[in-house]
Protein backbone atom coordinates (compact mmCIF):
# COMPACT_ATOMS: atom_id res chain seq x y z
CA SER A 1 0.13 0.11 -0.04
CA TRP A 2 1.29 3.59 -0.94
CA ASN A 3 0.56 5.16 2.57
CA ARG A 4 2.59 2.80 4.79
CA THR A 5 5.85 3.59 6.56
CA ALA A 6 7.24 0.27 4.87
CA PRO A 7 5.66 0.06 1.42
CA THR A 8 3.91 -3.40 0.81
CA GLY A 9 2.24 -4.83 -2.15
CA TYR A 10 3.11 -3.35 -5.42
CA LYS A 11 2.37 -6.75 -7.35
CA ILE A 12 -0.35 -8.49 -9.15
CA VAL A 13 -1.79 -11.67 -7.84
CA ARG A 14 -4.07 -14.43 -8.98
CA ILE A 15 -6.24 -16.65 -7.58
CA PRO A 16 -6.70 -20.03 -9.29
CA VAL A 17 -10.36 -21.54 -9.33
CA ASP A 18 -10.95 -25.24 -9.91
CA ALA A 19 -13.77 -26.90 -11.93
CA ASN A 20 -16.06 -26.70 -8.90
CA GLY A 21 -15.63 -23.14 -8.41
CA LYS A 22 -13.58 -23.78 -5.45
CA ALA A 23 -10.69 -20.84 -5.00
CA GLY A 24 -7.26 -21.86 -4.44
CA PRO A 25 -4.46 -19.89 -2.49
CA VAL A 26 -3.34 -16.49 -3.78
CA GLN A 27 -0.43 -16.63 -5.98
CA ASP A 28 2.13 -13.79 -7.23
CA PHE A 29 1.41 -13.25 -10.85
CA ALA A 30 3.52 -10.16 -11.77
CA VAL A 31 6.06 -8.50 -9.31
CA GLY A 32 9.05 -6.42 -9.41
CA TRP A 33 7.59 -2.52 -8.86
CA LEU A 34 9.00 -2.82 -5.45
CA ASN A 35 12.56 -3.66 -4.75
CA GLY A 36 13.34 -3.24 -0.94
CA THR A 37 12.23 0.43 -0.21
CA ALA A 38 12.65 1.43 -3.99
CA VAL A 39 9.55 1.74 -5.85
CA TRP A 40 9.41 2.11 -9.80
CA GLY A 41 5.76 1.60 -10.35
CA ARG A 42 2.48 0.75 -8.67
CA PRO A 43 0.04 -1.43 -10.46
CA VAL A 44 -3.43 -0.01 -9.82
CA ASP A 45 -5.91 -1.90 -12.19
CA VAL A 46 -6.11 -4.44 -14.67
CA LEU A 47 -8.17 -4.99 -17.86
CA VAL A 48 -8.28 -7.75 -20.31
CA ALA A 49 -7.72 -6.65 -23.97
CA PRO A 50 -9.52 -8.05 -26.80
CA ASP A 51 -6.49 -10.13 -27.76
CA GLY A 52 -6.42 -11.85 -24.43
CA SER A 53 -3.37 -9.87 -23.13
CA LEU A 54 -3.68 -7.87 -19.80
CA LEU A 55 -3.32 -4.15 -19.58
CA VAL A 56 -1.83 -2.94 -16.30
CA SER A 57 -2.09 0.81 -15.22
CA ASP A 58 0.89 2.14 -13.17
CA ASP A 59 -0.29 5.55 -11.44
CA GLU A 60 3.45 5.91 -9.97
CA GLY A 61 5.12 6.09 -13.50
CA GLY A 62 2.06 7.09 -15.60
CA ARG A 63 2.42 4.06 -17.73
CA ILE A 64 0.27 1.27 -19.18
CA PHE A 65 1.96 -2.31 -19.42
CA ARG A 66 0.75 -5.14 -21.43
CA ILE A 67 1.46 -8.53 -20.36
CA ALA A 68 0.81 -11.31 -23.30
CA TYR A 69 1.18 -14.96 -23.30
CA GLN A 70 3.57 -16.20 -25.97
CA GLY A 71 3.44 -20.08 -26.67
């Protein structure tokens, strides 16, 4: 969170859901915006683009990141 003495968060997490709709444990999905106390970005929202990629807004750096699967 941005307003703590020691910053925390600054990542995107995912929660897997099984075929029965049961949620599994929270897992880190995208990290690296916080390195110790050095902050280079703060992800605040995620949208799914028409091509299936994820668009992540960063209100610390004023950027939009695109995360795409390459298989």
